[in-house]
Amino acid sequence: MLQNIDDNVPNLENVVNMNSSSTDDTMRLAAITRKTAPPLNLERERRMEELCWYFLFPNGRNGFGEERENACTPLDYFQNRVMSIDKRFNRNDYLFYALSIVEYFRAKSSVSVSCRMRQGHGEQTPQGLVDNMHLTMRNIRGSASYWQKCCSELIAMVRTLGPPTWFLTFSCNDLNWPDMIKALFIADGRDIDDVDRLSFPERLNLVQKHPVVLARQFTVRVNALMRFLKRNKDCLGGLIEDFWYRVEFQNRGSPHLHMLVWCSNVPNFTTPEEVAVIERVVSCSLTPNDLVLRKLVEDLQIHKHTATWKKNRQTDGCRFDFPKPASVNTVCLGPDEALANNGRFCILKRTSNETMVNNYNAVLLNLWKGNIDVQPCGNVTAVASYVAKYASKCEPHDTGDVIREAISNAKSCLFGWWW
């Protein structure tokens, strides 16, 4: 579908007439100015991508606007570029450019459909059409409308299946997973035999340099994890009936996954026998019998206060509620107590030496080999806390304000013309 663009880069002298009399090496060879005309439009400037990314398209051909015998959608085009074996398009700036173009056409298509909507008895109502404009943003990942749709789907699952059984979090151990480092080495064109001699700054640089490889490798691990969970009936106390998850990315590009799981034949955690299920599935022990597991707990599950431990909090204390309270027995809290405990309705059995240990499942920690968190989620209060904290959170946080401002501006322009 896409033609080859791998041509030799021409010499600078063949492109720009050099002034031999000039001795200023820092002078700009060409100045491109556009003072009065409007900004370039991607749909009108057929070669805009080749001109903007001239070092990626040295021959100035076969960009997004190229006329092709078999037309491709913006999503197909940029997926082919980003996922190809040629890593030149894995640059962070090109990834954001590709995302903006795909979302532009997706929003344009949604707006076009919305503007053809008719209300009432076949008559168009301009005010109603403008009010519905924010619904078109639900196809844009990360927007407030998109996460509102996801949140509605989650609430529908809760109404149908009841409260979920477990709330799981899996963080990416991208700096230490051997398969991840080897994949980054291959993407960087380096010998995988040098993996063991890699320093921490070099690992961090590889993670930031190849975000596509990192995301794809994380997806491979998540898919393998889900295959395991769907087939294993003992790990979480029962077979998985259904699940819902979302993937988030930290500032440095490291992903992590939040997931709700519904398991069959697992009680609602209200009797002593049912509390025993929690103690069998969830642990915070620093001294498990398995020496390999003990090493994983010490390396991955002990919480440490970092620079963001009080992020967006006006009061003193860790935003992750560490240290946890020591308790002789596992205790399930009521709705009011769960709200005071940041939505967590269970206080796990732990000693005073284990107050900084994050909850884990022994089988999953051995399998994932990265930081995990396992919380029982057996009542409506815990579900409401999850929905408010994770499921409906949009990025960026001001997307809703932008949409409201756009609707307000559209209304003023529309009614000014209508009347």
Protein backbone atom coordinates (compact mmCIF):
# COMPACT_ATOMS: atom_id res chain seq x y z
CA MET A 1 0.00 0.00 0.00
CA LEU A 2 2.81 2.41 0.89
CA GLN A 3 5.73 2.85 -1.48
CA ASN A 4 9.35 2.85 -0.44
CA ILE A 5 10.73 6.18 0.77
CA ASP A 6 14.23 5.01 1.59
CA ASP A 7 16.19 7.13 -0.90
CA ASN A 8 19.63 8.62 -0.55
CA VAL A 9 19.66 11.99 1.16
CA PRO A 10 20.89 14.61 -1.38
CA ASN A 11 23.89 16.77 -0.63
CA LEU A 12 23.16 20.20 0.76
CA GLU A 13 24.97 21.88 -2.16
CA ASN A 14 22.58 20.23 -4.60
CA VAL A 15 19.54 21.64 -2.83
CA VAL A 16 20.60 25.12 -1.74
CA ASN A 17 22.86 27.45 -3.70
CA MET A 18 25.75 28.02 -1.32
CA ASN A 19 27.25 31.48 -1.08
CA SER A 20 30.99 30.83 -1.11
CA SER A 21 31.78 34.39 -0.08
CA SER A 22 29.99 33.97 3.24
CA THR A 23 32.05 32.82 6.21
CA ASP A 24 29.27 32.73 8.77
CA ASP A 25 28.65 29.04 9.46
CA THR A 26 25.68 29.85 11.65
CA MET A 27 23.74 31.84 9.04
CA ARG A 28 20.36 30.51 7.96
CA LEU A 29 20.52 29.25 4.40
CA ALA A 30 16.83 29.78 3.76
CA ALA A 31 14.12 31.67 5.58
CA ILE A 32 10.54 30.55 5.00
CA THR A 33 8.00 33.20 5.95
CA ARG A 34 4.26 33.42 5.55
CA LYS A 35 3.04 36.71 6.97
CA THR A 36 -0.43 37.32 5.58
CA ALA A 37 -1.76 33.96 4.39
CA PRO A 38 -3.58 31.58 6.75
CA PRO A 39 -1.78 28.52 8.16
CA LEU A 40 -1.23 25.58 5.87
CA ASN A 41 -4.12 23.15 5.63
CA LEU A 42 -3.27 19.47 5.54
CA GLU A 43 -6.10 18.66 3.15
CA ARG A 44 -5.07 21.35 0.66
CA GLU A 45 -1.31 21.07 0.83
CA ARG A 46 -0.68 17.62 -0.63
CA ARG A 47 3.03 17.65 0.20
CA MET A 48 2.79 19.22 3.64
CA GLU A 49 4.07 16.15 5.50
CA GLU A 50 7.08 15.80 3.19
CA LEU A 51 7.90 19.50 3.64
CA CYS A 52 7.52 19.44 7.44
CA TRP A 53 9.46 16.20 7.88
CA TYR A 54 11.98 16.61 5.07
CA PHE A 55 14.59 14.53 6.92
CA LEU A 56 12.13 11.61 7.04
CA PHE A 57 11.15 12.01 3.37
CA PRO A 58 14.45 12.88 1.67
CA ASN A 59 13.00 12.44 -1.81
CA GLY A 60 9.88 14.46 -1.03
CA ARG A 61 7.46 11.69 -2.02
CA ASN A 62 5.03 9.10 -0.62
CA GLY A 63 3.76 11.10 2.34
CA PHE A 64 0.25 11.17 3.71
CA GLY A 65 -1.17 13.22 0.84
CA GLU A 66 0.29 11.04 -1.92
CA GLU A 67 -2.23 9.88 -4.53
CA ARG A 68 -2.37 6.08 -4.33
CA GLU A 69 -4.04 3.44 -6.42
CA ASN A 70 -5.52 1.93 -3.23
CA ALA A 71 -6.59 4.72 -0.89
CA CYS A 72 -5.84 4.31 2.80
CA THR A 73 -7.37 5.98 5.83
CA PRO A 74 -5.31 8.27 8.08
CA LEU A 75 -5.27 5.58 10.78
CA ASP A 76 -4.05 2.91 8.34
CA TYR A 77 -1.36 5.21 6.98
CA PHE A 78 0.12 6.28 10.32
CA GLN A 79 -0.15 2.81 11.83
CA ASN A 80 1.88 1.50 8.90
CA ARG A 81 4.49 4.20 9.40
CA VAL A 82 4.79 3.78 13.18
CA MET A 83 4.63 -0.03 13.24
CA SER A 84 7.02 -0.63 10.34
CA ILE A 85 10.48 -2.09 10.74
CA ASP A 86 11.92 1.30 9.77
CA LYS A 87 12.31 3.07 13.14
CA ARG A 88 12.76 6.58 11.76
CA PHE A 89 9.06 7.28 12.40
CA ASN A 90 9.26 6.28 16.08
CA ARG A 91 10.33 9.78 17.04
CA ASN A 92 8.27 11.30 19.85
CA ASP A 93 7.52 14.46 17.87
CA TYR A 94 6.33 12.47 14.83
CA LEU A 95 4.12 10.31 17.08
CA PHE A 96 2.34 13.39 18.41
CA TYR A 97 2.01 14.72 14.87
CA ALA A 98 0.48 11.42 13.73
CA LEU A 99 -1.90 11.40 16.70
CA SER A 100 -3.06 14.95 15.99
CA ILE A 101 -3.76 14.18 12.32
CA VAL A 102 -5.70 10.99 13.10
CA GLU A 103 -7.77 12.76 15.75
CA TYR A 104 -8.38 15.70 13.40
CA PHE A 105 -9.97 13.48 10.75
CA ARG A 106 -11.82 11.45 13.38
CA ALA A 107 -13.30 14.62 14.91
CA LYS A 108 -14.12 15.99 11.46
CA SER A 109 -15.98 12.82 10.54
CA SER A 110 -17.91 12.85 13.81
CA VAL A 111 -18.87 16.52 13.44
CA SER A 112 -20.04 15.85 9.89
CA VAL A 113 -22.32 13.09 11.12
CA SER A 114 -23.59 15.24 13.98
CA CYS A 115 -24.45 18.13 11.68
CA ARG A 116 -26.60 15.82 9.54
CA MET A 117 -28.69 14.85 12.55
CA ARG A 118 -32.31 15.93 12.46
CA GLN A 119 -34.44 16.58 15.48
CA GLY A 120 -38.18 16.88 15.91
CA HIS A 121 -40.33 16.19 12.87
CA GLY A 122 -37.63 16.25 10.27
CA GLU A 123 -36.69 19.87 10.90
CA GLN A 124 -33.21 20.90 11.91
CA THR A 125 -32.92 22.64 15.27
CA PRO A 126 -29.61 24.57 15.36
CA GLN A 127 -29.54 24.89 19.15
CA GLY A 128 -30.02 21.16 19.61
CA LEU A 129 -27.34 20.40 17.07
CA VAL A 130 -24.81 22.57 18.86
CA ASP A 131 -25.70 21.06 22.24
CA ASN A 132 -24.94 17.62 20.81
CA MET A 133 -21.53 18.63 19.48
CA HIS A 134 -19.77 17.44 22.63
CA LEU A 135 -21.07 13.93 21.94
CA THR A 136 -18.87 13.76 18.86
CA MET A 137 -15.79 13.93 21.08
CA ARG A 138 -16.50 10.48 22.50
CA ASN A 139 -14.54 8.99 19.60
CA ILE A 140 -11.45 10.96 20.61
CA ARG A 141 -9.40 8.89 23.06
CA GLY A 142 -8.55 10.74 26.25
CA SER A 143 -11.33 13.32 25.94
CA ALA A 144 -13.89 13.82 28.70
CA SER A 145 -16.67 12.51 26.45
CA TYR A 146 -14.66 9.38 25.62
CA TRP A 147 -14.14 8.52 29.28
CA GLN A 148 -17.75 9.38 30.05
CA LYS A 149 -18.75 6.72 27.52
CA CYS A 150 -16.31 4.23 29.10
CA CYS A 151 -17.64 5.08 32.55
CA SER A 152 -21.21 4.46 31.38
CA GLU A 153 -20.19 1.08 30.02
CA LEU A 154 -18.57 0.21 33.35
CA ILE A 155 -21.66 1.22 35.32
CA ALA A 156 -23.77 -0.94 33.00
CA MET A 157 -21.47 -3.90 33.74
CA VAL A 158 -21.86 -3.30 37.50
CA ARG A 159 -25.65 -3.22 37.17
CA THR A 160 -25.61 -6.46 35.17
CA LEU A 161 -22.89 -8.44 36.96
CA GLY A 162 -22.97 -6.87 40.40
CA PRO A 163 -19.94 -5.40 42.22
CA PRO A 164 -16.60 -6.62 40.84
CA THR A 165 -14.54 -9.02 42.91
CA TRP A 166 -11.03 -7.56 42.64
CA PHE A 167 -9.35 -4.31 41.71
CA LEU A 168 -5.91 -5.01 40.20
CA THR A 169 -3.05 -2.71 39.21
CA PHE A 170 -0.04 -3.84 37.17
CA SER A 171 2.93 -1.49 36.68
CA CYS A 172 5.49 -1.82 33.92
CA ASN A 173 8.95 -2.84 35.13
CA ASP A 174 10.45 -1.56 31.89
CA LEU A 175 13.94 -0.94 33.26
CA ASN A 176 14.43 -4.50 34.51
CA TRP A 177 12.40 -6.90 32.38
CA PRO A 178 14.93 -8.83 30.23
CA ASP A 179 12.50 -9.24 27.31
CA MET A 180 11.74 -5.51 27.36
CA ILE A 181 15.41 -4.50 27.39
CA LYS A 182 16.22 -6.96 24.59
CA ALA A 183 13.36 -5.59 22.48
CA LEU A 184 14.64 -2.04 23.03
CA PHE A 185 18.18 -3.18 22.15
CA ILE A 186 16.97 -4.72 18.88
CA ALA A 187 15.03 -1.55 18.03
CA ASP A 188 18.17 0.48 18.72
CA GLY A 189 20.27 -1.76 16.45
CA ARG A 190 22.55 -2.94 19.24
CA ASP A 191 23.93 -6.33 20.22
CA ILE A 192 21.72 -8.02 22.83
CA ASP A 193 24.82 -9.58 24.42
CA ASP A 194 25.54 -6.16 25.98
CA VAL A 195 22.27 -6.08 27.96
CA ASP A 196 23.83 -7.07 31.28
CA ARG A 197 26.39 -4.26 31.10
CA LEU A 198 23.77 -1.56 30.61
CA SER A 199 23.71 1.24 33.21
CA PHE A 200 20.54 2.77 34.64
CA PRO A 201 20.80 6.05 32.61
CA GLU A 202 21.30 4.02 29.43
CA ARG A 203 18.20 1.93 30.19
CA LEU A 204 16.18 5.06 30.86
CA ASN A 205 17.38 6.59 27.60
CA LEU A 206 16.27 3.50 25.65
CA VAL A 207 12.81 3.63 27.23
CA GLN A 208 12.38 7.27 26.27
CA LYS A 209 13.86 6.76 22.81
CA HIS A 210 11.58 3.91 21.70
CA PRO A 211 8.06 4.51 23.10
CA VAL A 212 6.38 2.41 20.38
CA VAL A 213 8.49 -0.67 21.17
CA LEU A 214 7.80 -0.17 24.89
CA ALA A 215 4.03 0.07 24.36
CA ARG A 216 3.94 -2.96 22.04
CA GLN A 217 5.98 -5.11 24.43
CA PHE A 218 3.76 -4.08 27.33
CA THR A 219 0.70 -5.06 25.27
CA VAL A 220 2.23 -8.48 24.60
CA ARG A 221 2.71 -8.99 28.34
CA VAL A 222 -0.84 -7.83 29.14
CA ASN A 223 -2.30 -10.22 26.56
CA ALA A 224 -0.28 -13.12 28.01
CA LEU A 225 -1.42 -12.14 31.52
CA MET A 226 -5.09 -12.13 30.46
CA ARG A 227 -4.76 -15.56 28.85
CA PHE A 228 -3.36 -16.88 32.12
CA LEU A 229 -6.06 -15.29 34.28
CA LYS A 230 -8.90 -16.55 32.08
CA ARG A 231 -7.66 -20.15 32.37
CA ASN A 232 -6.66 -20.18 36.05
CA LYS A 233 -9.47 -20.67 38.58
CA ASP A 234 -7.33 -20.68 41.75
CA CYS A 235 -5.27 -17.49 41.40
CA LEU A 236 -8.14 -15.09 42.17
CA GLY A 237 -10.43 -17.56 43.92
CA GLY A 238 -12.52 -18.41 40.86
CA LEU A 239 -12.75 -18.23 37.08
CA ILE A 240 -13.02 -14.78 35.52
CA GLU A 241 -16.50 -14.00 34.21
CA ASP A 242 -15.70 -10.53 32.90
CA PHE A 243 -13.20 -7.70 33.26
CA TRP A 244 -12.71 -4.00 32.50
CA TYR A 245 -9.36 -2.20 32.35
CA ARG A 246 -7.66 0.96 31.27
CA VAL A 247 -3.98 1.67 30.54
CA GLU A 248 -2.34 4.90 31.66
CA PHE A 249 1.13 6.31 30.98
CA GLN A 250 3.40 8.08 33.42
CA ASN A 251 5.28 11.23 32.47
CA ARG A 252 8.38 9.30 31.40
CA GLY A 253 6.29 7.04 29.16
CA SER A 254 6.02 3.97 31.39
CA PRO A 255 2.54 2.34 31.19
CA HIS A 256 0.49 0.75 33.96
CA LEU A 257 -2.86 -1.01 33.96
CA HIS A 258 -5.90 -0.64 36.24
CA MET A 259 -8.39 -3.50 36.03
CA LEU A 260 -11.68 -4.60 37.58
CA VAL A 261 -12.37 -8.35 37.60
CA TRP A 262 -15.59 -10.29 38.15
CA CYS A 263 -14.96 -13.87 39.36
CA SER A 264 -17.46 -16.70 39.66
CA ASN A 265 -18.12 -18.57 42.91
CA VAL A 266 -16.40 -15.91 45.04
CA PRO A 267 -18.43 -14.65 48.05
CA ASN A 268 -19.17 -11.04 48.92
CA PHE A 269 -16.62 -10.88 51.75
CA THR A 270 -19.05 -10.53 54.64
CA THR A 271 -18.51 -13.70 56.73
CA PRO A 272 -15.35 -15.15 58.37
CA GLU A 273 -15.22 -17.88 55.72
CA GLU A 274 -15.36 -15.27 52.98
CA VAL A 275 -12.68 -13.14 54.66
CA ALA A 276 -10.45 -16.24 54.47
CA VAL A 277 -10.70 -15.96 50.68
CA ILE A 278 -9.12 -12.50 50.87
CA GLU A 279 -6.25 -13.79 53.00
CA ARG A 280 -5.69 -16.66 50.57
CA VAL A 281 -5.63 -14.42 47.47
CA VAL A 282 -4.06 -11.22 48.86
CA SER A 283 -0.90 -10.94 50.97
CA CYS A 284 1.43 -8.29 52.32
CA SER A 285 3.92 -10.62 53.98
CA LEU A 286 7.59 -9.68 53.99
CA THR A 287 8.66 -13.24 54.78
CA PRO A 288 7.04 -15.70 52.37
CA ASN A 289 8.45 -19.22 52.35
CA ASP A 290 9.55 -18.95 48.73
CA LEU A 291 12.97 -17.21 48.61
CA VAL A 292 12.42 -16.03 45.03
CA LEU A 293 9.08 -14.49 46.01
CA ARG A 294 10.68 -12.86 49.06
CA LYS A 295 13.26 -11.20 46.80
CA LEU A 296 10.50 -9.93 44.49
CA VAL A 297 8.59 -8.47 47.44
CA GLU A 298 11.68 -6.69 48.74
CA ASP A 299 12.56 -5.27 45.33
CA LEU A 300 9.12 -4.41 43.95
CA GLN A 301 6.43 -4.21 46.63
CA ILE A 302 7.89 -1.95 49.33
CA HIS A 303 6.53 1.57 48.96
CA LYS A 304 8.97 4.46 48.93
CA HIS A 305 7.98 8.12 49.11
CA THR A 306 9.01 9.84 45.88
CA ALA A 307 8.71 13.44 44.73
CA THR A 308 5.01 12.94 43.88
CA TRP A 309 3.91 11.33 47.14
CA LYS A 310 1.87 14.41 48.11
CA LYS A 311 0.71 15.33 44.60
CA ASN A 312 -2.48 17.46 44.64
CA ARG A 313 -2.97 16.94 48.38
CA GLN A 314 -3.55 19.86 50.72
CA THR A 315 -3.07 17.82 53.90
CA ASP A 316 -0.06 15.98 55.21
CA GLY A 317 0.32 12.33 54.41
CA CYS A 318 1.00 10.07 51.46
CA ARG A 319 -1.58 10.13 48.67
CA PHE A 320 -1.28 6.32 48.50
CA ASP A 321 -2.10 6.08 52.23
CA PHE A 322 1.23 4.66 53.36
CA PRO A 323 2.11 3.50 55.93
CA LYS A 324 -0.84 1.12 56.16
CA PRO A 325 -2.29 0.38 59.62
CA ALA A 326 -1.08 -2.77 61.34
CA SER A 327 -3.83 -5.26 62.10
CA VAL A 328 -4.01 -8.64 63.84
CA ASN A 329 -6.88 -9.80 61.60
CA THR A 330 -8.26 -8.93 58.19
CA VAL A 331 -11.23 -6.59 58.67
CA CYS A 332 -13.94 -5.60 56.16
CA LEU A 333 -15.25 -2.06 56.66
CA GLY A 334 -18.70 -0.61 56.27
CA PRO A 335 -19.61 2.02 53.62
CA ASP A 336 -18.80 5.06 55.79
CA GLU A 337 -15.54 3.57 57.03
CA ALA A 338 -14.57 2.60 53.47
CA LEU A 339 -15.03 6.19 52.30
CA ALA A 340 -12.74 7.36 55.11
CA ASN A 341 -10.22 4.71 53.96
CA ASN A 342 -10.00 6.18 50.44
CA GLY A 343 -12.51 3.69 49.04
CA ARG A 344 -10.70 0.60 50.31
CA PHE A 345 -13.18 -1.45 52.29
CA CYS A 346 -10.65 -3.99 53.60
CA ILE A 347 -7.83 -3.63 56.15
CA LEU A 348 -5.49 -6.52 55.50
CA LYS A 349 -3.79 -8.50 58.23
CA ARG A 350 -0.22 -7.20 58.62
CA THR A 351 2.48 -6.68 61.24
CA SER A 352 4.12 -3.38 62.17
CA ASN A 353 7.07 -4.29 59.92
CA GLU A 354 4.81 -4.67 56.90
CA THR A 355 3.07 -1.29 56.94
CA MET A 356 5.00 -0.14 53.82
CA VAL A 357 4.34 -3.33 51.81
CA ASN A 358 1.87 -3.04 48.96
CA ASN A 359 -0.76 -5.77 48.61
CA TYR A 360 0.15 -8.55 46.19
CA ASN A 361 -0.87 -11.97 44.96
CA ALA A 362 1.97 -14.48 45.14
CA VAL A 363 1.14 -16.18 41.83
CA LEU A 364 0.70 -12.93 39.92
CA LEU A 365 3.84 -11.34 41.39
CA ASN A 366 5.90 -14.38 40.35
CA LEU A 367 4.37 -14.20 36.89
CA TRP A 368 4.42 -10.42 36.29
CA LYS A 369 7.72 -9.59 38.05
CA GLY A 370 6.69 -5.98 38.42
CA ASN A 371 4.87 -3.91 41.04
CA ILE A 372 1.23 -4.98 41.47
CA ASP A 373 -1.65 -4.09 43.75
CA VAL A 374 -4.60 -6.36 44.61
CA GLN A 375 -7.64 -4.96 46.42
CA PRO A 376 -10.92 -6.74 47.16
CA CYS A 377 -13.76 -4.75 45.69
CA GLY A 378 -16.90 -6.28 47.10
CA ASN A 379 -19.26 -3.39 47.78
CA VAL A 380 -20.80 -0.41 46.01
CA THR A 381 -18.65 2.12 47.90
CA ALA A 382 -15.45 0.63 46.51
CA VAL A 383 -16.91 0.61 42.99
CA ALA A 384 -17.98 4.26 43.30
CA SER A 385 -14.50 5.20 44.50
CA TYR A 386 -12.91 3.44 41.54
CA VAL A 387 -15.27 5.04 39.01
CA ALA A 388 -14.61 8.51 40.43
CA LYS A 389 -10.83 8.06 40.66
CA TYR A 390 -9.91 6.09 37.54
CA ALA A 391 -12.69 5.20 35.10
CA SER A 392 -13.92 8.74 34.39
CA LYS A 393 -10.57 10.54 34.57
CA CYS A 394 -9.76 12.28 31.29
CA GLU A 395 -6.48 13.66 29.97
CA PRO A 396 -5.76 16.47 29.65
CA HIS A 397 -7.77 17.64 32.64
CA ASP A 398 -9.06 20.75 30.89
CA THR A 399 -10.64 18.94 27.92
CA GLY A 400 -14.13 19.49 29.29
CA ASP A 401 -13.52 23.25 29.63
CA VAL A 402 -12.30 23.40 26.03
CA ILE A 403 -15.41 21.61 24.77
CA ARG A 404 -17.74 23.86 26.78
CA GLU A 405 -15.99 26.94 25.43
CA ALA A 406 -16.26 25.64 21.87
CA ILE A 407 -20.00 24.98 22.29
CA SER A 408 -20.51 28.46 23.76
CA ASN A 409 -18.64 30.09 20.86
CA ALA A 410 -20.54 28.02 18.32
CA LYS A 411 -23.85 29.05 19.87
CA SER A 412 -23.01 32.76 19.73
CA CYS A 413 -21.89 32.53 16.10
CA LEU A 414 -24.84 30.38 15.08
CA PHE A 415 -27.54 32.49 16.68
CA GLY A 416 -25.93 35.66 15.39
CA TRP A 417 -26.34 34.31 11.85
CA TRP A 418 -29.72 32.64 12.48
CA TRP A 419 -31.46 35.78 13.66
